[in-house]
Amino acid sequence: MTSIGIISLTKDIIVILAAIGTLIVARKGLETWSREIKGKADFEVTRNLSRSVYKLRDEIKKSRSPWVSSHEFPEGYNPMKKTSDLEAQAYSFIYSNRWKSVATALQNFEAQAFEAEALWGSGIKEKTDEFRQCARNLQVSFEADIQNRANDGQDYKSDREYGEIVRDAIWAIHDETNSLTLKIDSAISDIEKEIRPHSKRS
């Protein structure tokens, strides 16, 4: 092989090696970029989900306040002249207004939970479903209490245990032993554990 041929071959090898080197650098750059994008997505979803969890927790807590102020009752309601129907209507009004803020927070939480599930899979869904069920338990308990009042308290009288469960859900009294409060705390703790590995920006 002539010197010209050697030089030409050397040039070809250099070009090939340069191309290979470029591909390697580009691939590593793409992998780094991909990790950064994934890390940022994890961080954003973690932050948004956490905010929605704590917002929903706070709204549920407010809606379960055992103190019912006079301004919460519908206009014209007179507790001294109440009937079972009027009392049921009054508490339907109260619970409906209390639920509005919970419903808004729940809607946002569900949207963030869906984003987390799409990114992280079914593991987080199991945890968010538990918390969502706590809110649904409260809503069902509101409805059950209204029905009991409409029935002049007979639902609770015929099943005292059922009455205790409903009242326990509606009113956040004795949080250290309140069954719904404990379920809420447990559900939030499980979500926090699930999202903690995703909380650091890459």
N, C-alpha and C. Protein backbone atom coordinates (compact mmCIF):
# COMPACT_ATOMS: atom_id res chain seq x y z
N MET A 1 0.86 -1.19 0.00
CA MET A 1 0.00 0.00 0.00
C MET A 1 0.90 1.25 0.00
N THR A 2 0.53 2.16 -0.86
CA THR A 2 1.32 3.39 -0.98
C THR A 2 1.07 4.29 0.22
N SER A 3 1.95 5.28 0.34
CA SER A 3 1.80 6.23 1.44
C SER A 3 0.51 7.02 1.33
N ILE A 4 0.08 7.30 0.08
CA ILE A 4 -1.18 8.01 -0.13
C ILE A 4 -2.35 7.16 0.35
N GLY A 5 -2.25 5.85 0.05
CA GLY A 5 -3.31 4.94 0.49
C GLY A 5 -3.38 4.84 2.00
N ILE A 6 -2.19 4.82 2.62
CA ILE A 6 -2.14 4.75 4.08
C ILE A 6 -2.76 6.00 4.71
N ILE A 7 -2.39 7.14 4.12
CA ILE A 7 -2.93 8.41 4.63
C ILE A 7 -4.45 8.44 4.47
N SER A 8 -4.94 7.98 3.32
CA SER A 8 -6.38 7.96 3.06
C SER A 8 -7.10 7.03 4.04
N LEU A 9 -6.50 5.85 4.26
CA LEU A 9 -7.10 4.89 5.20
C LEU A 9 -7.11 5.45 6.62
N THR A 10 -5.99 6.12 6.98
CA THR A 10 -5.91 6.72 8.32
C THR A 10 -6.99 7.77 8.51
N LYS A 11 -7.18 8.58 7.46
CA LYS A 11 -8.23 9.60 7.53
C LYS A 11 -9.61 8.97 7.73
N ASP A 12 -9.85 7.88 6.98
CA ASP A 12 -11.14 7.20 7.10
C ASP A 12 -11.35 6.65 8.51
N ILE A 13 -10.29 6.08 9.08
CA ILE A 13 -10.38 5.53 10.43
C ILE A 13 -10.66 6.64 11.44
N ILE A 14 -9.94 7.77 11.25
CA ILE A 14 -10.14 8.90 12.16
C ILE A 14 -11.58 9.41 12.09
N VAL A 15 -12.11 9.51 10.86
CA VAL A 15 -13.49 9.97 10.68
C VAL A 15 -14.47 9.02 11.36
N ILE A 16 -14.22 7.70 11.18
CA ILE A 16 -15.09 6.69 11.80
C ILE A 16 -15.03 6.78 13.32
N LEU A 17 -13.81 6.89 13.85
CA LEU A 17 -13.64 6.99 15.30
C LEU A 17 -14.29 8.26 15.85
N ALA A 18 -14.15 9.35 15.09
CA ALA A 18 -14.77 10.60 15.52
C ALA A 18 -16.29 10.47 15.55
N ALA A 19 -16.83 9.78 14.52
CA ALA A 19 -18.28 9.57 14.46
C ALA A 19 -18.75 8.72 15.64
N ILE A 20 -17.97 7.67 15.93
CA ILE A 20 -18.32 6.80 17.05
C ILE A 20 -18.27 7.59 18.36
N GLY A 21 -17.21 8.40 18.50
CA GLY A 21 -17.07 9.22 19.70
C GLY A 21 -18.22 10.20 19.85
N THR A 22 -18.64 10.78 18.73
CA THR A 22 -19.76 11.72 18.75
C THR A 22 -21.04 11.02 19.19
N LEU A 23 -21.24 9.80 18.66
CA LEU A 23 -22.43 9.03 19.04
C LEU A 23 -22.44 8.70 20.52
N ILE A 24 -21.26 8.32 21.04
CA ILE A 24 -21.16 7.98 22.47
C ILE A 24 -21.47 9.20 23.34
N VAL A 25 -20.87 10.33 22.96
CA VAL A 25 -21.11 11.57 23.72
C VAL A 25 -22.58 11.97 23.63
N ALA A 26 -23.14 11.85 22.42
CA ALA A 26 -24.55 12.21 22.23
C ALA A 26 -25.46 11.30 23.06
N ARG A 27 -25.13 10.01 23.09
CA ARG A 27 -25.95 9.07 23.85
C ARG A 27 -25.89 9.37 25.34
N LYS A 28 -24.68 9.63 25.82
CA LYS A 28 -24.54 9.96 27.24
C LYS A 28 -25.27 11.25 27.56
N GLY A 29 -25.17 12.22 26.66
CA GLY A 29 -25.88 13.48 26.86
C GLY A 29 -27.38 13.28 26.89
N LEU A 30 -27.87 12.42 26.00
CA LEU A 30 -29.30 12.12 25.96
C LEU A 30 -29.76 11.43 27.23
N GLU A 31 -28.93 10.49 27.72
CA GLU A 31 -29.26 9.78 28.96
C GLU A 31 -29.30 10.75 30.14
N THR A 32 -28.31 11.66 30.18
CA THR A 32 -28.27 12.65 31.26
C THR A 32 -29.49 13.56 31.19
N TRP A 33 -29.80 14.01 29.99
CA TRP A 33 -30.96 14.88 29.78
C TRP A 33 -32.25 14.16 30.18
N SER A 34 -32.33 12.88 29.81
CA SER A 34 -33.51 12.09 30.14
C SER A 34 -33.66 11.95 31.66
N ARG A 35 -32.54 11.72 32.35
CA ARG A 35 -32.58 11.60 33.82
C ARG A 35 -33.00 12.92 34.46
N GLU A 36 -32.50 14.02 33.89
CA GLU A 36 -32.86 15.33 34.42
C GLU A 36 -34.35 15.62 34.24
N ILE A 37 -34.86 15.29 33.04
CA ILE A 37 -36.29 15.49 32.77
C ILE A 37 -37.13 14.64 33.70
N LYS A 38 -36.73 13.37 33.87
CA LYS A 38 -37.46 12.46 34.76
C LYS A 38 -37.40 12.98 36.20
N GLY A 39 -36.22 13.45 36.61
CA GLY A 39 -36.07 13.98 37.96
C GLY A 39 -36.94 15.20 38.19
N LYS A 40 -36.98 16.09 37.21
CA LYS A 40 -37.82 17.29 37.33
C LYS A 40 -39.30 16.92 37.38
N ALA A 41 -39.68 15.94 36.55
CA ALA A 41 -41.08 15.49 36.54
C ALA A 41 -41.44 14.88 37.89
N ASP A 42 -40.54 14.05 38.43
CA ASP A 42 -40.77 13.45 39.75
C ASP A 42 -40.94 14.54 40.81
N PHE A 43 -40.06 15.52 40.76
CA PHE A 43 -40.09 16.60 41.75
C PHE A 43 -41.40 17.39 41.67
N GLU A 44 -41.81 17.74 40.46
CA GLU A 44 -43.03 18.52 40.28
C GLU A 44 -44.27 17.74 40.71
N VAL A 45 -44.34 16.48 40.32
CA VAL A 45 -45.49 15.66 40.69
C VAL A 45 -45.52 15.46 42.20
N THR A 46 -44.35 15.23 42.79
CA THR A 46 -44.27 15.07 44.25
C THR A 46 -44.76 16.32 44.96
N ARG A 47 -44.29 17.48 44.50
CA ARG A 47 -44.68 18.74 45.14
C ARG A 47 -46.18 18.99 44.99
N ASN A 48 -46.70 18.80 43.79
CA ASN A 48 -48.12 19.06 43.55
C ASN A 48 -49.02 18.09 44.30
N LEU A 49 -48.61 16.82 44.32
CA LEU A 49 -49.41 15.82 45.04
C LEU A 49 -49.38 16.11 46.53
N SER A 50 -48.21 16.46 47.07
CA SER A 50 -48.10 16.76 48.49
C SER A 50 -49.01 17.93 48.87
N ARG A 51 -48.97 18.98 48.07
CA ARG A 51 -49.82 20.14 48.34
C ARG A 51 -51.29 19.76 48.35
N SER A 52 -51.69 18.94 47.37
CA SER A 52 -53.11 18.56 47.28
C SER A 52 -53.51 17.66 48.44
N VAL A 53 -52.60 16.83 48.91
CA VAL A 53 -52.88 15.96 50.06
C VAL A 53 -53.12 16.80 51.31
N TYR A 54 -52.25 17.76 51.57
CA TYR A 54 -52.37 18.56 52.79
C TYR A 54 -53.56 19.52 52.71
N LYS A 55 -53.86 19.99 51.51
CA LYS A 55 -55.04 20.85 51.34
C LYS A 55 -56.31 20.06 51.63
N LEU A 56 -56.38 18.84 51.09
CA LEU A 56 -57.56 18.01 51.33
C LEU A 56 -57.66 17.64 52.80
N ARG A 57 -56.54 17.32 53.41
CA ARG A 57 -56.54 17.02 54.86
C ARG A 57 -57.12 18.18 55.66
N ASP A 58 -56.66 19.40 55.35
CA ASP A 58 -57.11 20.57 56.09
C ASP A 58 -58.59 20.87 55.87
N GLU A 59 -59.06 20.69 54.64
CA GLU A 59 -60.48 20.94 54.35
C GLU A 59 -61.38 19.90 55.02
N ILE A 60 -60.93 18.67 55.05
CA ILE A 60 -61.70 17.63 55.75
C ILE A 60 -61.77 17.97 57.24
N LYS A 61 -60.65 18.38 57.79
CA LYS A 61 -60.62 18.72 59.22
C LYS A 61 -61.58 19.86 59.54
N LYS A 62 -61.57 20.90 58.70
CA LYS A 62 -62.48 22.04 58.92
C LYS A 62 -63.94 21.60 58.82
N SER A 63 -64.24 20.73 57.88
CA SER A 63 -65.62 20.30 57.68
C SER A 63 -66.12 19.41 58.82
N ARG A 64 -65.19 18.87 59.60
CA ARG A 64 -65.55 17.98 60.70
C ARG A 64 -65.54 18.70 62.06
N SER A 65 -65.49 20.01 62.03
CA SER A 65 -65.47 20.76 63.28
C SER A 65 -66.72 20.45 64.10
N PRO A 66 -66.55 20.12 65.37
CA PRO A 66 -67.72 19.81 66.21
C PRO A 66 -68.52 21.06 66.57
N TRP A 67 -67.94 22.23 66.32
CA TRP A 67 -68.63 23.47 66.63
C TRP A 67 -69.42 23.93 65.42
N VAL A 68 -70.75 24.00 65.57
CA VAL A 68 -71.62 24.50 64.50
C VAL A 68 -72.13 25.86 64.93
N SER A 69 -71.66 26.90 64.28
CA SER A 69 -72.05 28.26 64.66
C SER A 69 -73.43 28.59 64.10
N SER A 70 -74.05 29.58 64.68
CA SER A 70 -75.42 29.93 64.29
C SER A 70 -75.52 30.39 62.83
N HIS A 71 -74.46 31.03 62.32
CA HIS A 71 -74.52 31.53 60.93
C HIS A 71 -74.46 30.40 59.89
N GLU A 72 -74.13 29.17 60.35
CA GLU A 72 -74.10 28.04 59.42
C GLU A 72 -75.51 27.52 59.10
N PHE A 73 -76.46 27.80 59.98
CA PHE A 73 -77.82 27.33 59.75
C PHE A 73 -78.50 28.19 58.68
N PRO A 74 -79.45 27.61 57.97
CA PRO A 74 -80.15 28.40 56.95
C PRO A 74 -80.93 29.55 57.58
N GLU A 75 -81.10 30.60 56.82
CA GLU A 75 -81.81 31.78 57.32
C GLU A 75 -83.25 31.40 57.71
N GLY A 76 -83.67 31.86 58.88
CA GLY A 76 -85.03 31.60 59.33
C GLY A 76 -85.17 30.33 60.14
N TYR A 77 -84.10 29.54 60.26
CA TYR A 77 -84.20 28.30 61.03
C TYR A 77 -84.29 28.62 62.52
N ASN A 78 -85.29 28.05 63.18
CA ASN A 78 -85.50 28.26 64.61
C ASN A 78 -85.39 26.92 65.33
N PRO A 79 -84.30 26.69 66.07
CA PRO A 79 -84.12 25.40 66.74
C PRO A 79 -85.19 25.11 67.78
N MET A 80 -85.90 26.16 68.24
CA MET A 80 -86.95 25.96 69.23
C MET A 80 -88.25 25.47 68.58
N LYS A 81 -88.33 25.61 67.28
CA LYS A 81 -89.55 25.20 66.58
C LYS A 81 -89.24 24.16 65.49
N LYS A 82 -88.25 23.37 65.76
CA LYS A 82 -87.81 22.43 64.75
C LYS A 82 -88.69 21.18 64.73
N THR A 83 -88.79 20.60 63.55
CA THR A 83 -89.37 19.26 63.36
C THR A 83 -88.26 18.41 62.77
N SER A 84 -88.49 17.12 62.68
CA SER A 84 -87.45 16.25 62.13
C SER A 84 -87.11 16.65 60.70
N ASP A 85 -88.13 17.02 59.91
CA ASP A 85 -87.88 17.44 58.53
C ASP A 85 -87.08 18.74 58.47
N LEU A 86 -87.46 19.70 59.32
CA LEU A 86 -86.75 20.99 59.33
C LEU A 86 -85.31 20.82 59.79
N GLU A 87 -85.11 19.96 60.78
CA GLU A 87 -83.75 19.71 61.26
C GLU A 87 -82.92 19.03 60.18
N ALA A 88 -83.50 18.07 59.48
CA ALA A 88 -82.80 17.38 58.39
C ALA A 88 -82.42 18.38 57.29
N GLN A 89 -83.33 19.26 56.96
CA GLN A 89 -83.05 20.27 55.94
C GLN A 89 -81.95 21.22 56.39
N ALA A 90 -81.98 21.59 57.67
CA ALA A 90 -80.97 22.50 58.20
C ALA A 90 -79.58 21.87 58.13
N TYR A 91 -79.48 20.60 58.54
CA TYR A 91 -78.17 19.95 58.52
C TYR A 91 -77.73 19.58 57.10
N SER A 92 -78.69 19.37 56.24
CA SER A 92 -78.35 19.18 54.82
C SER A 92 -77.70 20.44 54.28
N PHE A 93 -78.22 21.59 54.69
CA PHE A 93 -77.67 22.88 54.29
C PHE A 93 -76.25 23.05 54.85
N ILE A 94 -76.09 22.72 56.13
CA ILE A 94 -74.78 22.85 56.79
C ILE A 94 -73.75 21.94 56.15
N TYR A 95 -74.10 20.66 56.02
CA TYR A 95 -73.15 19.69 55.48
C TYR A 95 -72.81 19.99 54.02
N SER A 96 -73.80 20.45 53.27
CA SER A 96 -73.56 20.78 51.87
C SER A 96 -72.54 21.91 51.75
N ASN A 97 -72.68 22.92 52.58
CA ASN A 97 -71.73 24.03 52.55
C ASN A 97 -70.35 23.61 53.03
N ARG A 98 -70.31 22.76 54.03
CA ARG A 98 -69.01 22.27 54.53
C ARG A 98 -68.33 21.38 53.48
N TRP A 99 -69.13 20.64 52.73
CA TRP A 99 -68.56 19.70 51.76
C TRP A 99 -67.99 20.41 50.53
N LYS A 100 -68.48 21.60 50.23
CA LYS A 100 -68.05 22.29 49.00
C LYS A 100 -66.53 22.45 48.94
N SER A 101 -65.93 22.90 50.01
CA SER A 101 -64.48 23.09 50.04
C SER A 101 -63.75 21.75 49.96
N VAL A 102 -64.32 20.74 50.60
CA VAL A 102 -63.73 19.40 50.54
C VAL A 102 -63.78 18.89 49.10
N ALA A 103 -64.91 19.08 48.46
CA ALA A 103 -65.08 18.59 47.08
C ALA A 103 -64.09 19.24 46.13
N THR A 104 -63.85 20.54 46.30
CA THR A 104 -62.88 21.24 45.46
C THR A 104 -61.47 20.69 45.69
N ALA A 105 -61.12 20.52 46.96
CA ALA A 105 -59.80 19.97 47.29
C ALA A 105 -59.67 18.52 46.81
N LEU A 106 -60.76 17.77 46.91
CA LEU A 106 -60.75 16.38 46.46
C LEU A 106 -60.55 16.29 44.95
N GLN A 107 -61.19 17.17 44.22
CA GLN A 107 -61.04 17.19 42.76
C GLN A 107 -59.59 17.45 42.36
N ASN A 108 -58.96 18.40 43.02
CA ASN A 108 -57.55 18.69 42.73
C ASN A 108 -56.66 17.52 43.12
N PHE A 109 -56.95 16.93 44.28
CA PHE A 109 -56.17 15.77 44.73
C PHE A 109 -56.27 14.62 43.73
N GLU A 110 -57.45 14.36 43.22
CA GLU A 110 -57.64 13.26 42.27
C GLU A 110 -56.86 13.51 40.98
N ALA A 111 -56.80 14.77 40.54
CA ALA A 111 -56.04 15.10 39.34
C ALA A 111 -54.54 14.86 39.57
N GLN A 112 -54.05 15.26 40.75
CA GLN A 112 -52.63 15.06 41.05
C GLN A 112 -52.31 13.58 41.27
N ALA A 113 -53.24 12.86 41.85
CA ALA A 113 -53.05 11.42 42.07
C ALA A 113 -52.97 10.68 40.73
N PHE A 114 -53.77 11.13 39.77
CA PHE A 114 -53.75 10.53 38.44
C PHE A 114 -52.39 10.76 37.76
N GLU A 115 -51.86 11.98 37.91
CA GLU A 115 -50.53 12.29 37.35
C GLU A 115 -49.47 11.39 37.98
N ALA A 116 -49.55 11.22 39.29
CA ALA A 116 -48.58 10.39 40.00
C ALA A 116 -48.67 8.94 39.56
N GLU A 117 -49.88 8.44 39.39
CA GLU A 117 -50.06 7.06 38.94
C GLU A 117 -49.49 6.87 37.54
N ALA A 118 -49.69 7.85 36.67
CA ALA A 118 -49.17 7.75 35.31
C ALA A 118 -47.65 7.71 35.30
N LEU A 119 -47.03 8.38 36.26
CA LEU A 119 -45.57 8.46 36.31
C LEU A 119 -44.94 7.32 37.09
N TRP A 120 -45.58 6.91 38.19
CA TRP A 120 -44.97 5.95 39.10
C TRP A 120 -45.65 4.58 39.15
N GLY A 121 -46.83 4.45 38.60
CA GLY A 121 -47.48 3.15 38.57
C GLY A 121 -48.51 2.93 39.67
N SER A 122 -48.92 1.69 39.82
CA SER A 122 -50.06 1.34 40.68
C SER A 122 -49.76 1.45 42.18
N GLY A 123 -48.49 1.45 42.55
CA GLY A 123 -48.15 1.52 43.98
C GLY A 123 -48.71 2.76 44.64
N ILE A 124 -48.57 3.90 43.98
CA ILE A 124 -49.08 5.14 44.55
C ILE A 124 -50.60 5.18 44.49
N LYS A 125 -51.19 4.51 43.51
CA LYS A 125 -52.65 4.49 43.38
C LYS A 125 -53.30 3.84 44.60
N GLU A 126 -52.69 2.78 45.08
CA GLU A 126 -53.23 2.11 46.26
C GLU A 126 -53.27 3.06 47.46
N LYS A 127 -52.24 3.88 47.58
CA LYS A 127 -52.16 4.81 48.71
C LYS A 127 -53.14 5.96 48.56
N THR A 128 -53.23 6.52 47.35
CA THR A 128 -54.14 7.65 47.16
C THR A 128 -55.60 7.19 47.24
N ASP A 129 -55.86 5.96 46.83
CA ASP A 129 -57.23 5.43 46.94
C ASP A 129 -57.68 5.37 48.40
N GLU A 130 -56.76 5.04 49.29
CA GLU A 130 -57.08 4.96 50.72
C GLU A 130 -57.50 6.33 51.25
N PHE A 131 -56.77 7.35 50.84
CA PHE A 131 -57.09 8.70 51.30
C PHE A 131 -58.39 9.20 50.67
N ARG A 132 -58.57 8.90 49.40
CA ARG A 132 -59.82 9.28 48.72
C ARG A 132 -61.01 8.65 49.42
N GLN A 133 -60.86 7.41 49.87
CA GLN A 133 -61.96 6.71 50.54
C GLN A 133 -62.31 7.38 51.86
N CYS A 134 -61.33 7.98 52.53
CA CYS A 134 -61.61 8.70 53.77
C CYS A 134 -62.57 9.86 53.51
N ALA A 135 -62.32 10.58 52.43
CA ALA A 135 -63.21 11.70 52.07
C ALA A 135 -64.59 11.18 51.71
N ARG A 136 -64.66 10.08 51.00
CA ARG A 136 -65.95 9.50 50.62
C ARG A 136 -66.71 9.01 51.85
N ASN A 137 -65.99 8.48 52.82
CA ASN A 137 -66.63 8.03 54.07
C ASN A 137 -67.29 9.21 54.78
N LEU A 138 -66.63 10.35 54.75
CA LEU A 138 -67.20 11.55 55.36
C LEU A 138 -68.47 11.96 54.63
N GLN A 139 -68.43 11.96 53.31
CA GLN A 139 -69.60 12.35 52.52
C GLN A 139 -70.78 11.42 52.79
N VAL A 140 -70.52 10.13 52.83
CA VAL A 140 -71.58 9.15 53.11
C VAL A 140 -72.14 9.35 54.52
N SER A 141 -71.26 9.68 55.45
CA SER A 141 -71.70 9.90 56.84
C SER A 141 -72.57 11.14 56.95
N PHE A 142 -72.24 12.19 56.20
CA PHE A 142 -73.11 13.37 56.16
C PHE A 142 -74.52 12.96 55.72
N GLU A 143 -74.58 12.19 54.65
CA GLU A 143 -75.87 11.78 54.10
C GLU A 143 -76.63 10.89 55.09
N ALA A 144 -75.90 10.02 55.77
CA ALA A 144 -76.54 9.13 56.75
C ALA A 144 -77.10 9.92 57.93
N ASP A 145 -76.38 10.94 58.36
CA ASP A 145 -76.85 11.74 59.49
C ASP A 145 -78.09 12.55 59.12
N ILE A 146 -78.13 13.06 57.92
CA ILE A 146 -79.32 13.78 57.44
C ILE A 146 -80.52 12.84 57.45
N GLN A 147 -80.31 11.63 56.97
CA GLN A 147 -81.40 10.65 56.92
C GLN A 147 -81.88 10.29 58.32
N ASN A 148 -80.93 10.17 59.25
CA ASN A 148 -81.31 9.86 60.63
C ASN A 148 -82.14 10.98 61.25
N ARG A 149 -81.75 12.21 60.98
CA ARG A 149 -82.51 13.35 61.51
C ARG A 149 -83.91 13.39 60.89
N ALA A 150 -84.00 13.08 59.60
CA ALA A 150 -85.31 13.05 58.94
C ALA A 150 -86.20 11.96 59.53
N ASN A 151 -85.57 10.89 60.03
CA ASN A 151 -86.31 9.77 60.64
C ASN A 151 -86.45 9.95 62.15
N ASP A 152 -86.24 11.19 62.62
CA ASP A 152 -86.40 11.51 64.04
C ASP A 152 -85.47 10.68 64.93
N GLY A 153 -84.25 10.41 64.43
CA GLY A 153 -83.22 9.72 65.21
C GLY A 153 -83.39 8.22 65.31
N GLN A 154 -84.35 7.66 64.58
CA GLN A 154 -84.64 6.23 64.72
C GLN A 154 -83.51 5.34 64.17
N ASP A 155 -82.80 5.82 63.17
CA ASP A 155 -81.72 5.01 62.58
C ASP A 155 -80.65 4.72 63.62
N TYR A 156 -80.31 5.71 64.42
CA TYR A 156 -79.29 5.53 65.45
C TYR A 156 -79.82 4.74 66.63
N LYS A 157 -81.10 4.94 66.92
CA LYS A 157 -81.69 4.22 68.05
C LYS A 157 -81.76 2.72 67.78
N SER A 158 -82.05 2.37 66.54
CA SER A 158 -82.16 0.95 66.20
C SER A 158 -80.80 0.28 66.03
N ASP A 159 -79.77 1.08 65.79
CA ASP A 159 -78.41 0.53 65.63
C ASP A 159 -77.42 1.54 66.22
N ARG A 160 -77.18 1.41 67.52
CA ARG A 160 -76.33 2.37 68.22
C ARG A 160 -74.89 2.36 67.71
N GLU A 161 -74.40 1.19 67.35
CA GLU A 161 -73.03 1.08 66.84
C GLU A 161 -72.89 1.86 65.53
N TYR A 162 -73.90 1.72 64.69
CA TYR A 162 -73.92 2.45 63.42
C TYR A 162 -73.92 3.96 63.68
N GLY A 163 -74.71 4.38 64.64
CA GLY A 163 -74.76 5.80 65.00
C GLY A 163 -73.42 6.31 65.47
N GLU A 164 -72.72 5.51 66.27
CA GLU A 164 -71.40 5.91 66.76
C GLU A 164 -70.41 6.06 65.61
N ILE A 165 -70.48 5.14 64.65
CA ILE A 165 -69.57 5.20 63.50
C ILE A 165 -69.80 6.46 62.68
N VAL A 166 -71.07 6.78 62.45
CA VAL A 166 -71.41 7.97 61.66
C VAL A 166 -70.99 9.24 62.38
N ARG A 167 -71.31 9.33 63.65
CA ARG A 167 -70.94 10.52 64.43
C ARG A 167 -69.43 10.67 64.52
N ASP A 168 -68.74 9.54 64.65
CA ASP A 168 -67.29 9.54 64.72
C ASP A 168 -66.68 10.13 63.44
N ALA A 169 -67.31 9.81 62.32
CA ALA A 169 -66.81 10.31 61.03
C ALA A 169 -67.10 11.79 60.84
N ILE A 170 -68.27 12.23 61.28
CA ILE A 170 -68.68 13.62 61.05
C ILE A 170 -67.95 14.59 61.96
N TRP A 171 -67.79 14.24 63.21
CA TRP A 171 -67.21 15.18 64.19
C TRP A 171 -65.82 14.72 64.60
N ALA A 172 -64.83 15.61 64.40
CA ALA A 172 -63.45 15.29 64.76
C ALA A 172 -63.21 15.54 66.24
N ILE A 173 -63.75 14.65 67.06
CA ILE A 173 -63.60 14.74 68.51
C ILE A 173 -62.68 13.62 68.96
N HIS A 174 -61.81 13.91 69.94
CA HIS A 174 -60.87 12.91 70.46
C HIS A 174 -60.07 12.29 69.31
N ASP A 175 -59.28 13.13 68.64
CA ASP A 175 -58.54 12.69 67.46
C ASP A 175 -57.65 11.48 67.71
N GLU A 176 -57.17 11.35 68.94
CA GLU A 176 -56.26 10.24 69.24
C GLU A 176 -56.96 8.88 69.18
N THR A 177 -58.30 8.88 69.26
CA THR A 177 -59.05 7.62 69.18
C THR A 177 -60.10 7.63 68.09
N ASN A 178 -60.27 8.76 67.41
CA ASN A 178 -61.29 8.88 66.37
C ASN A 178 -60.91 8.03 65.16
N SER A 179 -61.78 7.11 64.78
CA SER A 179 -61.43 6.13 63.75
C SER A 179 -61.14 6.77 62.39
N LEU A 180 -61.95 7.75 61.98
CA LEU A 180 -61.70 8.38 60.68
C LEU A 180 -60.42 9.22 60.72
N THR A 181 -60.19 9.93 61.80
CA THR A 181 -58.96 10.71 61.94
C THR A 181 -57.74 9.81 61.83
N LEU A 182 -57.79 8.66 62.49
CA LEU A 182 -56.68 7.71 62.45
C LEU A 182 -56.47 7.16 61.04
N LYS A 183 -57.56 6.91 60.33
CA LYS A 183 -57.46 6.42 58.95
C LYS A 183 -56.85 7.48 58.04
N ILE A 184 -57.25 8.73 58.24
CA ILE A 184 -56.71 9.83 57.46
C ILE A 184 -55.21 9.97 57.71
N ASP A 185 -54.82 9.95 58.97
CA ASP A 185 -53.40 10.07 59.32
C ASP A 185 -52.58 8.93 58.72
N SER A 186 -53.13 7.73 58.78
CA SER A 186 -52.44 6.56 58.24
C SER A 186 -52.31 6.65 56.72
N ALA A 187 -53.38 7.08 56.06
CA ALA A 187 -53.35 7.20 54.60
C ALA A 187 -52.33 8.23 54.16
N ILE A 188 -52.27 9.37 54.85
CA ILE A 188 -51.31 10.41 54.51
C ILE A 188 -49.88 9.93 54.74
N SER A 189 -49.68 9.24 55.83
CA SER A 189 -48.35 8.70 56.13
C SER A 189 -47.89 7.72 55.04
N ASP A 190 -48.80 6.89 54.57
CA ASP A 190 -48.47 5.93 53.50
C ASP A 190 -48.13 6.65 52.20
N ILE A 191 -48.85 7.72 51.89
CA ILE A 191 -48.55 8.50 50.69
C ILE A 191 -47.18 9.14 50.82
N GLU A 192 -46.89 9.71 51.97
CA GLU A 192 -45.59 10.36 52.20
C GLU A 192 -44.44 9.37 52.01
N LYS A 193 -44.61 8.17 52.52
CA LYS A 193 -43.56 7.15 52.37
C LYS A 193 -43.38 6.77 50.90
N GLU A 194 -44.48 6.71 50.17
CA GLU A 194 -44.44 6.31 48.77
C GLU A 194 -43.76 7.36 47.89
N ILE A 195 -43.97 8.62 48.20
CA ILE A 195 -43.44 9.68 47.34
C ILE A 195 -42.07 10.19 47.78
N ARG A 196 -41.62 9.81 48.97
CA ARG A 196 -40.35 10.33 49.49
C ARG A 196 -39.17 10.08 48.54
N PRO A 197 -39.04 8.89 47.94
CA PRO A 197 -37.92 8.67 47.02
C PRO A 197 -37.92 9.57 45.79
N HIS A 198 -39.07 10.16 45.48
CA HIS A 198 -39.19 11.01 44.29
C HIS A 198 -39.07 12.50 44.62
N SER A 199 -38.82 12.82 45.88
CA SER A 199 -38.92 14.21 46.31
C SER A 199 -37.67 15.05 46.04
N LYS A 200 -36.58 14.41 45.60
CA LYS A 200 -35.35 15.16 45.35
C LYS A 200 -35.20 15.43 43.86
N ARG A 201 -34.94 16.68 43.56
CA ARG A 201 -34.73 17.06 42.16
C ARG A 201 -33.38 16.49 41.69
N SER A 202 -33.41 15.80 40.54
CA SER A 202 -32.17 15.22 40.02
C SER A 202 -31.32 16.29 39.36
